[in-house]
Amino acid sequence: MKIALDVDGVLADVIESWLIFSNKKRPRILKENVKNWDFWKEFEINRFDFYKELTSCWKNWISIPPTEQNLSSTSKTLSNLGQVDIVTARERSTDSFVKN
């Protein structure tokens, strides 16, 4: 069996980092207001600005928390069930940050 784990939102809580960035320059958005991937539309944030800012957050990858504790042991358990691939649609400029 093949198992794919996405980076953004599945392994890495990049929205947490983005909220810190965004809340410094826009009206405050709480994490509980983030209910779907394109939540930025309801806050009238330009799509290109959102993705550019999200990409910028990856430059400080060390500050991006995991989505849950013990992800390595969960991934290990999954690898006992099948082949685990870590996938992402991040732009190439973030490759080294995402890999770290």
Protein backbone atom coordinates (compact mmCIF):
# COMPACT_ATOMS: atom_id res chain seq x y z
CA MET A 1 0.00 0.00 0.00
CA LYS A 2 1.19 3.53 -0.78
CA ILE A 3 0.59 6.28 1.76
CA ALA A 4 1.15 9.96 0.95
CA LEU A 5 1.56 12.56 3.68
CA ASP A 6 1.27 16.18 2.61
CA VAL A 7 3.56 18.74 4.23
CA ASP A 8 1.36 21.86 4.56
CA GLY A 9 -1.40 21.28 7.06
CA VAL A 10 -0.77 17.56 7.53
CA LEU A 11 2.79 17.42 8.87
CA ALA A 12 3.68 21.10 9.24
CA ASP A 13 1.36 23.69 10.75
CA VAL A 14 2.56 26.49 8.49
CA ILE A 15 -0.70 28.38 9.04
CA GLU A 16 0.39 28.95 12.64
CA SER A 17 3.49 30.79 11.37
CA TRP A 18 1.52 32.61 8.71
CA LEU A 19 -1.00 33.87 11.30
CA ILE A 20 1.81 35.41 13.35
CA PHE A 21 3.05 37.18 10.21
CA SER A 22 -0.40 38.24 8.99
CA ASN A 23 -1.67 39.43 12.36
CA LYS A 24 1.14 42.00 12.47
CA LYS A 25 -0.13 43.73 9.34
CA ARG A 26 -3.85 42.95 9.10
CA PRO A 27 -6.83 42.67 11.40
CA ARG A 28 -6.32 39.71 13.71
CA ILE A 29 -7.33 36.26 12.48
CA LEU A 30 -7.67 33.49 15.03
CA LYS A 31 -6.67 29.93 14.23
CA GLU A 32 -10.20 28.74 14.90
CA ASN A 33 -11.31 30.97 12.01
CA VAL A 34 -9.20 28.86 9.65
CA LYS A 35 -11.67 26.18 8.63
CA ASN A 36 -10.65 25.41 5.05
CA TRP A 37 -7.63 25.86 2.80
CA ASP A 38 -8.93 28.94 0.99
CA PHE A 39 -10.01 30.70 4.20
CA TRP A 40 -8.08 33.77 3.05
CA LYS A 41 -10.93 34.58 0.63
CA GLU A 42 -13.36 35.34 3.44
CA PHE A 43 -10.82 37.78 4.91
CA GLU A 44 -10.39 39.45 1.51
CA ILE A 45 -6.71 38.57 1.31
CA ASN A 46 -5.32 38.50 -2.20
CA ARG A 47 -4.50 34.95 -3.27
CA PHE A 48 -1.07 35.91 -4.58
CA ASP A 49 -0.24 37.78 -1.37
CA PHE A 50 -1.31 34.79 0.73
CA TYR A 51 0.81 32.30 -1.21
CA LYS A 52 3.79 34.66 -1.30
CA GLU A 53 3.57 35.14 2.46
CA LEU A 54 3.16 31.42 3.06
CA THR A 55 6.27 30.77 0.98
CA SER A 56 8.12 33.39 2.99
CA CYS A 57 7.16 31.63 6.23
CA TRP A 58 9.09 28.55 5.07
CA LYS A 59 12.34 30.54 5.14
CA ASN A 60 12.03 30.39 8.92
CA TRP A 61 11.13 26.69 8.85
CA ILE A 62 12.44 26.10 12.36
CA SER A 63 9.51 28.11 13.74
CA ILE A 64 6.87 26.02 11.94
CA PRO A 65 5.40 23.60 14.45
CA PRO A 66 4.28 20.07 13.61
CA THR A 67 0.53 19.54 13.35
CA GLU A 68 0.65 17.06 16.23
CA GLN A 69 3.07 15.56 18.70
CA ASN A 70 4.92 12.33 17.94
CA LEU A 71 4.69 12.64 14.15
CA SER A 72 7.83 10.56 13.73
CA SER A 73 6.33 7.61 15.61
CA THR A 74 3.04 7.98 13.72
CA SER A 75 4.95 8.00 10.43
CA LYS A 76 6.90 4.94 11.54
CA THR A 77 3.65 3.12 12.33
CA LEU A 78 2.32 4.05 8.90
CA SER A 79 5.53 2.79 7.27
CA ASN A 80 4.77 -0.63 8.77
CA LEU A 81 1.52 -0.61 6.78
CA GLY A 82 3.01 0.48 3.46
CA GLN A 83 5.33 2.81 1.59
CA VAL A 84 5.16 6.32 3.04
CA ASP A 85 5.89 9.25 0.75
CA ILE A 86 6.08 12.84 1.97
CA VAL A 87 4.61 15.09 -0.71
CA THR A 88 4.08 18.78 -1.27
CA ALA A 89 3.06 21.26 -3.91
CA ARG A 90 5.31 23.97 -2.46
CA GLU A 91 7.20 26.05 -4.95
CA ARG A 92 10.80 25.07 -5.67
CA SER A 93 12.29 28.04 -3.81
CA THR A 94 11.15 26.41 -0.53
CA ASP A 95 12.58 22.92 -1.24
CA SER A 96 15.55 23.12 1.10
CA PHE A 97 13.46 24.66 3.89
CA VAL A 98 10.72 22.04 3.58
CA LYS A 99 13.27 19.21 3.55
CA ASN A 100 14.83 20.55 6.74
